Structure formats: C-alpha cells, structure tokens
Amino acid sequence: MNLDLTALADEHLTAARSAPHGRSAHLVLHDGVLRQTVIALIAGTALDEHNAPPAASLQVLRGRVRLTAPEWEAELAAGTLRMIPKERHGLAAVDDSVVLLTAVND
C-alpha cells in the first residue's frame, strides 16, 4: 500500500478548516500494534492532555505545533520528527498544521 502524505495532508487540512472543532484525523495504517494517523489542526486548536502510548513519534508535515506536558513544552516546525514523551501530554496548533502520529500500543 502506497500513501500520498501530501494529498492526505491537503485533504485533512481542508476538512479541519470546515470542521466544528477545527481538526480532522484519519488512521492511515494499522498493522497489529502499529498505528499511523494523520491529524490536521487549525491554528489555535488543540488535543487536550492525554496519556501516552508505550512508544510513539510525531512528525510535523505542515505548520507548527506545540507539544506540551505538565513540566515543559516544545514547539515543532514542519519537517521535525520527535519521540512523544511517556508522560501525559497535549498538542496545540500554532499555525494550521498537519502531523503524522506513529504509535505502538501493547
């Protein structure tokens, strides 16, 4: 299966712009414990603080996001790949943004 991440980013950013909560997400790959999800967020919207999966990474495809935890935060720009912390965390869009979340669940 080949996926066009550019087309998916365009599609979900368009959907997020017309969505009531300013976001759109789609599970693009699910293979056993591995999941990859494209998430589009309009500037100013956020995913509230939530528990972390056992292993995960976040790749910013478009825009800028802020990854937050109780004791710290990091701003990530397009092209950045970062491991998700093992602690509770949230994600906020600084600009209209699209990310690829890769998670491994037990």
Protein backbone atom coordinates (compact mmCIF):
# COMPACT_ATOMS: atom_id res chain seq x y z
CA MET A 1 0.00 0.00 0.00
CA ASN A 2 1.40 3.39 -1.02
CA LEU A 3 0.10 6.56 0.61
CA ASP A 4 0.50 10.09 -0.68
CA LEU A 5 1.12 12.04 2.54
CA THR A 6 0.97 15.36 0.69
CA ALA A 7 -2.52 14.58 -0.64
CA LEU A 8 -3.64 13.30 2.78
CA ALA A 9 -2.32 16.47 4.45
CA ASP A 10 -4.21 18.63 1.93
CA GLU A 11 -7.41 16.61 2.34
CA HIS A 12 -7.44 16.70 6.13
CA LEU A 13 -6.38 20.33 6.42
CA THR A 14 -9.33 21.23 4.19
CA ALA A 15 -11.62 19.05 6.33
CA ALA A 16 -10.28 20.60 9.56
CA ARG A 17 -10.98 24.11 8.27
CA SER A 18 -14.67 23.28 7.91
CA ALA A 19 -14.97 21.03 10.99
CA PRO A 20 -16.72 22.44 14.08
CA HIS A 21 -13.74 21.65 16.34
CA GLY A 22 -11.09 22.69 13.80
CA ARG A 23 -9.49 19.28 13.39
CA SER A 24 -9.57 16.18 11.22
CA ALA A 25 -7.89 12.82 11.74
CA HIS A 26 -7.62 9.59 9.80
CA LEU A 27 -5.99 6.27 10.70
CA VAL A 28 -3.89 5.59 7.61
CA LEU A 29 -2.00 2.47 8.69
CA HIS A 30 -2.92 -0.22 11.21
CA ASP A 31 -0.77 -3.32 11.44
CA GLY A 32 -1.04 -5.22 14.70
CA VAL A 33 0.25 -2.90 17.44
CA LEU A 34 1.45 -0.24 14.95
CA ARG A 35 -0.83 2.67 14.07
CA GLN A 36 -0.17 5.76 11.99
CA THR A 37 -2.64 8.62 11.98
CA VAL A 38 -2.72 11.86 10.01
CA ILE A 39 -4.05 14.68 12.21
CA ALA A 40 -4.84 18.17 10.92
CA LEU A 41 -5.37 21.04 13.38
CA ILE A 42 -6.34 24.62 12.63
CA ALA A 43 -4.28 27.33 14.37
CA GLY A 44 -5.46 27.78 17.94
CA THR A 45 -7.00 24.31 18.29
CA ALA A 46 -5.58 21.55 20.47
CA LEU A 47 -5.75 17.96 21.52
CA ASP A 48 -6.21 18.04 25.28
CA GLU A 49 -3.73 16.40 27.59
CA HIS A 50 -3.88 12.60 27.31
CA ASN A 51 -1.90 9.51 28.28
CA ALA A 52 0.97 8.41 26.09
CA PRO A 53 1.11 5.04 24.33
CA PRO A 54 4.07 2.77 25.17
CA ALA A 55 6.01 4.15 22.16
CA ALA A 56 5.18 6.96 19.74
CA SER A 57 6.61 9.62 17.47
CA LEU A 58 5.24 12.78 15.93
CA GLN A 59 6.29 14.07 12.50
CA VAL A 60 5.16 17.57 11.57
CA LEU A 61 4.17 17.59 7.91
CA ARG A 62 2.86 21.17 7.76
CA GLY A 63 2.80 24.21 10.02
CA ARG A 64 3.96 24.48 13.64
CA VAL A 65 2.65 22.70 16.73
CA ARG A 66 3.38 22.89 20.44
CA LEU A 67 3.85 19.59 22.28
CA THR A 68 3.07 20.19 25.95
CA ALA A 69 3.49 18.29 29.20
CA PRO A 70 2.98 19.43 32.81
CA GLU A 71 6.63 20.44 33.26
CA TRP A 72 7.70 21.52 29.74
CA GLU A 73 6.70 22.35 26.17
CA ALA A 74 8.39 22.22 22.78
CA GLU A 75 7.49 23.98 19.56
CA LEU A 76 7.94 21.81 16.46
CA ALA A 77 8.03 23.08 12.88
CA ALA A 78 7.33 21.30 9.58
CA GLY A 79 9.97 18.68 8.90
CA THR A 80 10.53 17.88 12.59
CA LEU A 81 10.34 14.32 13.89
CA ARG A 82 10.20 13.82 17.66
CA MET A 83 9.56 10.99 20.07
CA ILE A 84 6.43 11.50 22.16
CA PRO A 85 7.17 11.57 25.90
CA LYS A 86 5.99 8.71 28.08
CA GLU A 87 4.10 11.18 30.27
CA ARG A 88 0.71 12.83 29.81
CA HIS A 89 0.90 15.42 27.07
CA GLY A 90 -1.13 17.60 24.74
CA LEU A 91 -0.73 19.04 21.26
CA ALA A 92 -1.67 22.57 20.15
CA ALA A 93 -1.54 24.07 16.67
CA VAL A 94 0.43 27.32 16.46
CA ASP A 95 -0.32 27.54 12.71
CA ASP A 96 -2.68 25.46 10.58
CA SER A 97 -0.82 22.16 10.87
CA VAL A 98 -0.76 18.51 9.87
CA VAL A 99 1.13 15.83 11.78
CA LEU A 100 1.73 12.13 11.36
CA LEU A 101 1.40 10.29 14.66
CA THR A 102 3.05 6.88 14.81
CA ALA A 103 2.12 4.82 17.87
CA VAL A 104 2.80 1.33 19.11
CA ASN A 105 0.24 0.00 21.59
CA ASP A 106 0.58 -3.18 23.64
